[in-house]
Amino acid sequence: MPKANSPPTSPMAELGLTVKSQYKPSDLSAAVLAAKGRYVQRNPNSGKLFEEATSYLPGGNTRTLLYSAPFPLCMKKGEDYKVFDEDDHV
């Protein structure tokens, strides 16, 4: 247990665990950029609606604390246990 005046440590460090990543930071950055690109391509209607919403709402939505880059999904409807977005993904 750390003393009250000691600097905070992570739970991993307190347990004596280390994480060895097989990925370099540049690999991770490239993977994130590729994932964002796929997201934008897969959700064009949500992207257009978000752009339009930024004209009327600060941050483009009513829950800016839950914003996820590059834009949040726009939901069209819910039916039974399913939720449909504007790009017709269930």
Protein backbone atom coordinates (compact mmCIF):
# COMPACT_ATOMS: atom_id res chain seq x y z
CA MET A 1 0.00 0.00 0.00
CA PRO A 2 1.51 3.38 -0.98
CA LYS A 3 2.03 5.99 1.69
CA ALA A 4 -0.22 9.05 1.69
CA ASN A 5 2.55 11.32 0.40
CA SER A 6 3.89 8.95 -2.27
CA PRO A 7 3.17 9.57 -5.98
CA PRO A 8 0.24 7.62 -7.44
CA THR A 9 1.06 4.38 -9.19
CA SER A 10 -0.89 2.33 -11.66
CA PRO A 11 -2.65 -0.87 -10.54
CA MET A 12 -0.32 -2.81 -12.87
CA ALA A 13 2.75 -1.36 -11.15
CA GLU A 14 1.36 -2.04 -7.68
CA LEU A 15 0.91 -5.70 -8.60
CA GLY A 16 4.42 -5.86 -10.06
CA LEU A 17 3.10 -6.55 -13.58
CA THR A 18 4.57 -5.22 -16.79
CA VAL A 19 3.08 -5.07 -20.25
CA LYS A 20 5.27 -5.82 -23.22
CA SER A 21 3.76 -4.60 -26.46
CA GLN A 22 4.69 -6.17 -29.74
CA TYR A 23 3.60 -3.03 -31.56
CA LYS A 24 5.62 0.12 -32.11
CA PRO A 25 3.90 3.50 -31.59
CA SER A 26 4.03 4.09 -35.36
CA ASP A 27 2.23 0.77 -35.96
CA LEU A 28 -0.46 1.74 -33.49
CA SER A 29 -0.91 5.18 -35.06
CA ALA A 30 -1.26 3.62 -38.51
CA ALA A 31 -3.81 1.12 -37.20
CA VAL A 32 -5.88 3.89 -35.58
CA LEU A 33 -5.84 5.97 -38.79
CA ALA A 34 -6.88 2.92 -40.83
CA ALA A 35 -9.73 2.15 -38.41
CA LYS A 36 -10.98 5.75 -38.56
CA GLY A 37 -10.87 5.59 -42.37
CA ARG A 38 -12.99 2.41 -42.39
CA TYR A 39 -15.43 4.00 -39.94
CA VAL A 40 -15.89 7.08 -42.15
CA GLN A 41 -16.39 4.93 -45.27
CA ARG A 42 -18.86 2.65 -43.51
CA ASN A 43 -20.98 5.45 -42.02
CA PRO A 44 -21.39 8.23 -44.63
CA ASN A 45 -24.97 9.14 -43.65
CA SER A 46 -24.04 9.57 -39.99
CA GLY A 47 -21.12 11.78 -41.08
CA LYS A 48 -23.38 14.00 -43.21
CA LEU A 49 -25.96 14.31 -40.44
CA PHE A 50 -23.24 15.17 -37.93
CA GLU A 51 -21.89 17.91 -40.21
CA GLU A 52 -25.40 19.34 -40.55
CA ALA A 53 -25.98 19.12 -36.79
CA THR A 54 -22.88 21.20 -36.06
CA SER A 55 -24.74 24.15 -37.64
CA TYR A 56 -27.43 23.93 -34.97
CA LEU A 57 -25.90 22.28 -31.89
CA PRO A 58 -22.62 23.04 -30.10
CA GLY A 59 -20.38 20.08 -30.85
CA GLY A 60 -22.96 18.61 -33.21
CA ASN A 61 -24.98 16.76 -30.57
CA THR A 62 -26.70 17.17 -27.24
CA ARG A 63 -24.24 14.97 -25.35
CA THR A 64 -20.82 16.38 -26.17
CA LEU A 65 -19.22 14.50 -23.28
CA LEU A 66 -19.92 11.26 -25.14
CA TYR A 67 -18.46 12.45 -28.46
CA SER A 68 -16.39 9.88 -30.33
CA ALA A 69 -14.09 10.90 -33.18
CA PRO A 70 -14.41 11.35 -36.07
CA PHE A 71 -18.19 11.61 -35.51
CA PRO A 72 -20.86 9.79 -33.51
CA LEU A 73 -23.29 7.40 -35.16
CA CYS A 74 -26.81 8.71 -35.80
CA MET A 75 -29.53 6.27 -34.85
CA LYS A 76 -32.63 5.95 -37.00
CA LYS A 77 -34.90 3.65 -35.01
CA GLY A 78 -35.19 0.93 -32.45
CA GLU A 79 -37.26 -2.17 -33.05
CA ASP A 80 -37.63 -4.88 -30.42
CA TYR A 81 -34.07 -5.48 -29.22
CA LYS A 82 -32.42 -4.04 -32.36
CA VAL A 83 -31.12 -0.52 -32.98
CA PHE A 84 -30.70 0.72 -36.56
CA ASP A 85 -28.34 3.53 -37.52
CA GLU A 86 -28.77 5.92 -40.45
CA ASP A 87 -26.46 3.74 -42.55
CA ASP A 88 -28.78 0.72 -42.02
CA HIS A 89 -26.46 -1.20 -39.73
CA VAL A 90 -28.23 -3.23 -37.05
